[in-house]
N, C-alpha and C. Protein backbone atom coordinates (compact mmCIF):
# COMPACT_ATOMS: atom_id res chain seq x y z
N MET A 1 -23.81 -36.39 -23.83
CA MET A 1 -22.49 -36.95 -23.74
C MET A 1 -22.37 -37.67 -22.40
N ALA A 2 -21.94 -38.86 -22.44
CA ALA A 2 -21.79 -39.66 -21.23
C ALA A 2 -20.54 -39.25 -20.49
N SER A 3 -20.64 -39.19 -19.17
CA SER A 3 -19.46 -38.82 -18.39
C SER A 3 -18.76 -40.09 -17.95
N GLY A 4 -17.94 -40.59 -18.81
CA GLY A 4 -17.22 -41.83 -18.53
C GLY A 4 -16.05 -41.58 -17.61
N GLY A 5 -15.43 -42.62 -17.17
CA GLY A 5 -14.29 -42.50 -16.26
C GLY A 5 -13.02 -42.23 -17.05
N SER A 6 -12.57 -41.00 -17.05
CA SER A 6 -11.35 -40.64 -17.76
C SER A 6 -10.19 -40.67 -16.78
N ALA A 7 -9.11 -41.30 -17.20
CA ALA A 7 -7.95 -41.43 -16.32
C ALA A 7 -7.25 -40.11 -16.08
N ILE A 8 -7.40 -39.16 -16.99
CA ILE A 8 -6.67 -37.90 -16.84
C ILE A 8 -7.55 -36.76 -16.33
N ARG A 9 -8.78 -37.04 -16.02
CA ARG A 9 -9.67 -35.99 -15.53
C ARG A 9 -9.15 -35.43 -14.21
N GLY A 10 -9.05 -34.12 -14.12
CA GLY A 10 -8.64 -33.46 -12.89
C GLY A 10 -7.14 -33.41 -12.69
N SER A 11 -6.36 -33.85 -13.65
CA SER A 11 -4.90 -33.76 -13.52
C SER A 11 -4.37 -32.89 -14.63
N ARG A 12 -3.17 -32.42 -14.48
CA ARG A 12 -2.58 -31.56 -15.51
C ARG A 12 -1.56 -32.36 -16.32
N VAL A 13 -1.25 -31.87 -17.48
CA VAL A 13 -0.28 -32.53 -18.34
C VAL A 13 1.09 -32.46 -17.68
N GLY A 14 1.78 -33.55 -17.61
CA GLY A 14 3.10 -33.59 -17.01
C GLY A 14 3.10 -33.88 -15.53
N ALA A 15 1.92 -34.05 -14.94
CA ALA A 15 1.85 -34.34 -13.51
C ALA A 15 2.31 -35.77 -13.26
N GLY A 16 2.83 -36.00 -12.10
CA GLY A 16 3.29 -37.34 -11.74
C GLY A 16 2.10 -38.23 -11.43
N PRO A 17 2.39 -39.39 -10.90
CA PRO A 17 1.29 -40.30 -10.54
C PRO A 17 0.36 -39.64 -9.53
N MET A 18 -0.93 -39.94 -9.64
CA MET A 18 -1.92 -39.35 -8.74
C MET A 18 -1.61 -39.74 -7.30
N GLY A 19 -1.66 -38.77 -6.41
CA GLY A 19 -1.42 -39.04 -5.01
C GLY A 19 0.04 -39.08 -4.62
N GLU A 20 0.91 -38.67 -5.51
CA GLU A 20 2.34 -38.71 -5.20
C GLU A 20 2.65 -37.71 -4.10
N GLN A 21 3.24 -38.14 -3.03
CA GLN A 21 3.53 -37.28 -1.90
C GLN A 21 4.88 -36.60 -2.01
N ASP A 22 5.84 -37.29 -2.56
CA ASP A 22 7.19 -36.73 -2.60
C ASP A 22 7.38 -35.92 -3.87
N ARG A 23 7.34 -34.63 -3.75
CA ARG A 23 7.50 -33.73 -4.90
C ARG A 23 8.87 -33.06 -4.88
N GLY A 24 9.80 -33.62 -4.15
CA GLY A 24 11.14 -33.05 -4.10
C GLY A 24 11.55 -32.77 -2.68
N PHE A 25 12.72 -32.19 -2.54
CA PHE A 25 13.29 -31.89 -1.24
C PHE A 25 12.63 -30.66 -0.65
N HIS A 26 12.17 -30.76 0.59
CA HIS A 26 11.59 -29.62 1.29
C HIS A 26 12.60 -29.13 2.33
N ALA A 27 12.98 -27.89 2.21
CA ALA A 27 13.93 -27.31 3.16
C ALA A 27 13.25 -27.04 4.49
N GLU A 28 14.03 -27.06 5.54
CA GLU A 28 13.52 -26.69 6.86
C GLU A 28 13.08 -25.23 6.81
N ARG A 29 11.97 -24.94 7.44
CA ARG A 29 11.47 -23.56 7.41
C ARG A 29 10.82 -23.21 8.72
N ILE A 30 10.71 -21.89 8.94
CA ILE A 30 10.04 -21.38 10.13
C ILE A 30 8.91 -20.46 9.67
N GLN A 31 7.87 -20.38 10.47
CA GLN A 31 6.74 -19.52 10.17
C GLN A 31 6.77 -18.33 11.12
N VAL A 32 6.66 -17.14 10.56
CA VAL A 32 6.66 -15.91 11.35
C VAL A 32 5.31 -15.23 11.16
N HIS A 33 4.69 -14.82 12.25
CA HIS A 33 3.36 -14.20 12.20
C HIS A 33 3.48 -12.68 12.26
N TYR A 34 2.67 -12.02 11.44
CA TYR A 34 2.61 -10.55 11.37
C TYR A 34 1.16 -10.13 11.48
N TRP A 35 0.91 -8.96 12.11
CA TRP A 35 -0.43 -8.39 12.23
C TRP A 35 -0.39 -6.92 11.83
N CYS A 36 -1.42 -6.49 11.13
CA CYS A 36 -1.53 -5.07 10.77
C CYS A 36 -2.53 -4.40 11.70
N GLY A 37 -2.68 -3.09 11.58
CA GLY A 37 -3.59 -2.32 12.43
C GLY A 37 -5.05 -2.69 12.22
N SER A 38 -5.39 -3.28 11.07
CA SER A 38 -6.78 -3.68 10.80
C SER A 38 -7.11 -5.05 11.36
N GLY A 39 -6.11 -5.72 11.96
CA GLY A 39 -6.35 -7.03 12.55
C GLY A 39 -6.07 -8.20 11.63
N HIS A 40 -5.62 -7.91 10.41
CA HIS A 40 -5.29 -9.01 9.50
C HIS A 40 -4.01 -9.71 9.97
N GLN A 41 -3.98 -11.01 9.79
CA GLN A 41 -2.79 -11.79 10.15
C GLN A 41 -2.25 -12.45 8.89
N MET A 42 -0.93 -12.43 8.77
CA MET A 42 -0.28 -13.18 7.70
C MET A 42 0.89 -13.93 8.32
N SER A 43 1.17 -15.09 7.77
CA SER A 43 2.19 -15.96 8.36
C SER A 43 3.09 -16.53 7.26
N PRO A 44 4.02 -15.73 6.76
CA PRO A 44 4.92 -16.25 5.72
C PRO A 44 5.97 -17.20 6.32
N TYR A 45 6.53 -18.02 5.47
CA TYR A 45 7.58 -18.95 5.87
C TYR A 45 8.93 -18.40 5.43
N PHE A 46 9.94 -18.65 6.26
CA PHE A 46 11.32 -18.28 5.96
C PHE A 46 12.20 -19.51 6.16
N LEU A 47 13.33 -19.50 5.50
CA LEU A 47 14.28 -20.59 5.63
C LEU A 47 14.72 -20.70 7.09
N ALA A 48 14.78 -21.91 7.62
CA ALA A 48 15.09 -22.11 9.04
C ALA A 48 16.50 -21.65 9.39
N THR A 49 17.39 -21.63 8.41
CA THR A 49 18.78 -21.25 8.70
C THR A 49 19.02 -19.75 8.54
N ILE A 50 17.97 -18.99 8.33
CA ILE A 50 18.12 -17.54 8.15
C ILE A 50 18.56 -16.92 9.48
N GLU A 51 19.39 -15.90 9.38
CA GLU A 51 19.83 -15.18 10.58
C GLU A 51 18.63 -14.40 11.14
N PRO A 52 18.48 -14.36 12.46
CA PRO A 52 17.32 -13.65 13.04
C PRO A 52 17.22 -12.19 12.62
N GLU A 53 18.34 -11.52 12.42
CA GLU A 53 18.28 -10.10 12.02
C GLU A 53 17.85 -9.93 10.56
N GLU A 54 17.84 -11.02 9.78
CA GLU A 54 17.41 -10.93 8.38
C GLU A 54 15.90 -11.11 8.23
N VAL A 55 15.23 -11.59 9.26
CA VAL A 55 13.77 -11.70 9.22
C VAL A 55 13.21 -10.29 9.37
N PRO A 56 12.41 -9.81 8.41
CA PRO A 56 11.93 -8.42 8.47
C PRO A 56 11.03 -8.17 9.68
N GLU A 57 11.20 -6.99 10.26
CA GLU A 57 10.36 -6.58 11.39
C GLU A 57 8.96 -6.19 10.91
N GLN A 58 8.88 -5.64 9.70
CA GLN A 58 7.59 -5.21 9.15
C GLN A 58 7.46 -5.69 7.71
N LEU A 59 6.23 -6.00 7.33
CA LEU A 59 5.87 -6.32 5.95
C LEU A 59 4.60 -5.55 5.62
N ASP A 60 4.30 -5.41 4.35
CA ASP A 60 3.04 -4.79 3.94
C ASP A 60 1.94 -5.84 3.95
N CYS A 61 0.81 -5.49 4.53
CA CYS A 61 -0.33 -6.41 4.60
C CYS A 61 -0.88 -6.62 3.20
N PRO A 62 -1.04 -7.87 2.74
CA PRO A 62 -1.59 -8.09 1.40
C PRO A 62 -3.08 -7.77 1.30
N ASN A 63 -3.78 -7.65 2.42
CA ASN A 63 -5.22 -7.35 2.38
C ASN A 63 -5.51 -5.86 2.28
N CYS A 64 -4.81 -5.06 3.09
CA CYS A 64 -5.14 -3.63 3.13
C CYS A 64 -3.97 -2.73 2.78
N GLY A 65 -2.74 -3.26 2.69
CA GLY A 65 -1.59 -2.46 2.33
C GLY A 65 -0.93 -1.74 3.49
N ALA A 66 -1.49 -1.84 4.68
CA ALA A 66 -0.91 -1.18 5.85
C ALA A 66 0.32 -1.96 6.31
N PRO A 67 1.21 -1.30 7.05
CA PRO A 67 2.36 -2.05 7.58
C PRO A 67 1.92 -3.05 8.64
N ALA A 68 2.56 -4.23 8.62
CA ALA A 68 2.24 -5.28 9.58
C ALA A 68 3.51 -5.62 10.35
N GLY A 69 3.39 -5.74 11.67
CA GLY A 69 4.53 -6.04 12.53
C GLY A 69 4.32 -7.36 13.27
N ARG A 70 5.33 -7.76 14.02
CA ARG A 70 5.29 -9.06 14.70
C ARG A 70 4.64 -9.00 16.08
N ASP A 71 4.33 -7.81 16.57
CA ASP A 71 3.68 -7.66 17.87
C ASP A 71 2.18 -7.50 17.66
N ARG A 72 1.41 -8.52 18.06
CA ARG A 72 -0.03 -8.51 17.81
C ARG A 72 -0.73 -7.38 18.56
N GLU A 73 -0.29 -7.10 19.77
CA GLU A 73 -0.95 -6.08 20.59
C GLU A 73 -0.61 -4.66 20.15
N ASN A 74 0.54 -4.46 19.53
CA ASN A 74 0.97 -3.12 19.09
C ASN A 74 1.40 -3.16 17.63
N PRO A 75 0.45 -3.25 16.70
CA PRO A 75 0.84 -3.24 15.29
C PRO A 75 1.38 -1.87 14.90
N PRO A 76 2.23 -1.79 13.88
CA PRO A 76 2.79 -0.50 13.49
C PRO A 76 1.71 0.46 13.00
N LYS A 77 1.93 1.72 13.27
CA LYS A 77 0.99 2.76 12.84
C LYS A 77 1.29 3.13 11.39
N VAL A 78 0.26 3.55 10.70
CA VAL A 78 0.41 4.02 9.33
C VAL A 78 1.02 5.40 9.37
N ALA A 79 2.08 5.60 8.60
CA ALA A 79 2.72 6.92 8.56
C ALA A 79 1.72 7.91 7.95
N LYS A 80 1.64 9.09 8.57
CA LYS A 80 0.71 10.10 8.08
C LYS A 80 1.19 10.61 6.73
N LEU A 81 0.35 10.43 5.74
CA LEU A 81 0.69 10.87 4.40
C LEU A 81 0.15 12.27 4.18
N GLU A 82 1.00 13.12 3.63
CA GLU A 82 0.57 14.48 3.31
C GLU A 82 -0.33 14.42 2.08
N PRO A 83 -1.49 15.04 2.14
CA PRO A 83 -2.33 15.06 0.95
C PRO A 83 -1.71 15.95 -0.13
N TYR A 84 -2.18 15.81 -1.32
CA TYR A 84 -1.70 16.63 -2.43
C TYR A 84 -1.91 18.10 -2.08
N LYS A 85 -0.86 18.90 -2.26
CA LYS A 85 -0.97 20.33 -1.95
C LYS A 85 -1.51 21.07 -3.17
N THR A 86 -2.41 21.98 -2.89
CA THR A 86 -2.95 22.82 -3.95
C THR A 86 -2.00 24.00 -4.18
N HIS A 87 -2.25 24.72 -5.24
CA HIS A 87 -1.45 25.91 -5.53
C HIS A 87 -1.58 26.91 -4.39
N LEU A 88 -2.79 27.04 -3.85
CA LEU A 88 -3.02 27.97 -2.76
C LEU A 88 -2.19 27.60 -1.52
N ALA A 89 -2.05 26.31 -1.25
CA ALA A 89 -1.26 25.88 -0.09
C ALA A 89 0.20 26.27 -0.25
N TYR A 90 0.73 26.12 -1.46
CA TYR A 90 2.11 26.54 -1.70
C TYR A 90 2.27 28.06 -1.57
N VAL A 91 1.28 28.80 -2.07
CA VAL A 91 1.33 30.26 -1.97
C VAL A 91 1.30 30.68 -0.50
N LYS A 92 0.47 30.03 0.30
CA LYS A 92 0.37 30.37 1.72
C LYS A 92 1.67 30.09 2.46
N GLU A 93 2.45 29.12 1.98
CA GLU A 93 3.75 28.85 2.61
C GLU A 93 4.75 29.97 2.33
N ARG A 94 4.61 30.62 1.17
CA ARG A 94 5.59 31.63 0.77
C ARG A 94 5.19 33.05 1.17
N ARG A 95 3.92 33.32 1.37
CA ARG A 95 3.44 34.67 1.62
C ARG A 95 2.92 34.83 3.05
N THR A 96 3.09 36.03 3.58
CA THR A 96 2.49 36.35 4.87
C THR A 96 1.06 36.83 4.63
N GLU A 97 0.30 36.96 5.68
CA GLU A 97 -1.09 37.41 5.56
C GLU A 97 -1.16 38.84 5.01
N GLU A 98 -0.21 39.69 5.44
CA GLU A 98 -0.20 41.08 4.97
C GLU A 98 0.11 41.14 3.47
N GLU A 99 1.06 40.30 3.01
CA GLU A 99 1.37 40.27 1.57
C GLU A 99 0.17 39.78 0.78
N ALA A 100 -0.56 38.84 1.32
CA ALA A 100 -1.73 38.31 0.63
C ALA A 100 -2.80 39.38 0.47
N VAL A 101 -3.03 40.16 1.53
CA VAL A 101 -4.02 41.24 1.46
C VAL A 101 -3.60 42.28 0.42
N THR A 102 -2.32 42.64 0.40
CA THR A 102 -1.81 43.63 -0.57
C THR A 102 -1.98 43.11 -2.00
N LEU A 103 -1.61 41.87 -2.25
CA LEU A 103 -1.74 41.29 -3.60
C LEU A 103 -3.21 41.20 -4.02
N LEU A 104 -4.08 40.84 -3.10
CA LEU A 104 -5.50 40.75 -3.41
C LEU A 104 -6.06 42.12 -3.77
N GLU A 105 -5.68 43.14 -3.01
CA GLU A 105 -6.15 44.50 -3.31
C GLU A 105 -5.68 44.96 -4.68
N GLU A 106 -4.41 44.66 -5.01
CA GLU A 106 -3.89 45.03 -6.34
C GLU A 106 -4.65 44.32 -7.45
N ALA A 107 -4.93 43.03 -7.26
CA ALA A 107 -5.64 42.27 -8.28
C ALA A 107 -7.07 42.78 -8.43
N LEU A 108 -7.74 43.10 -7.32
CA LEU A 108 -9.10 43.63 -7.40
C LEU A 108 -9.13 45.00 -8.07
N THR A 109 -8.14 45.82 -7.79
CA THR A 109 -8.07 47.15 -8.41
C THR A 109 -7.94 47.01 -9.93
N GLN A 110 -7.06 46.09 -10.37
CA GLN A 110 -6.88 45.87 -11.82
C GLN A 110 -8.16 45.32 -12.44
N LEU A 111 -8.84 44.42 -11.77
CA LEU A 111 -10.07 43.83 -12.28
C LEU A 111 -11.16 44.89 -12.40
N ARG A 112 -11.29 45.73 -11.38
CA ARG A 112 -12.30 46.78 -11.42
C ARG A 112 -12.01 47.80 -12.52
N ALA A 113 -10.73 48.06 -12.73
CA ALA A 113 -10.35 49.00 -13.80
C ALA A 113 -10.71 48.41 -15.18
N ARG A 114 -10.47 47.14 -15.38
CA ARG A 114 -10.82 46.50 -16.65
C ARG A 114 -12.33 46.46 -16.85
N ARG A 115 -13.06 46.13 -15.79
CA ARG A 115 -14.53 46.07 -15.91
C ARG A 115 -15.11 47.46 -16.19
N GLY A 116 -14.49 48.45 -15.58
CA GLY A 116 -14.97 49.81 -15.80
C GLY A 116 -14.72 50.25 -17.23
N SER A 117 -13.58 49.87 -17.84
CA SER A 117 -13.29 50.27 -19.21
C SER A 117 -14.15 49.50 -20.20
N VAL A 118 -14.59 48.30 -19.87
CA VAL A 118 -15.45 47.52 -20.76
C VAL A 118 -16.87 48.07 -20.72
N ALA A 119 -17.31 48.53 -19.56
CA ALA A 119 -18.67 49.03 -19.40
C ALA A 119 -18.88 50.35 -20.13
N GLN A 120 -17.81 51.11 -20.35
CA GLN A 120 -17.97 52.44 -21.01
C GLN A 120 -18.09 52.35 -22.44
């Protein structure tokens, strides 16, 4: 198949004339820079007429998900996330060490009694 010169090659349906610069009204905008703890930088644009207090102090980094702030030298720290607690961790919150020893002894006594009755 010969690769002839097609007038529509590389353009999409409904596109304007090739090379058209004016695609509509562009609002005034400002660029704000954010950095995360991993060193990633992102620079989103905001409307130039936005109130300074409406520009967010922190955003989530699209690369790593960590919080990103506007101070390059002191990026925000990742909040320490509690890992999933096991059943044992919850039990340890509710019981003292003495109660744990007592419960363990009771459970072992019952287990030994069952094993002894099975062995006979």
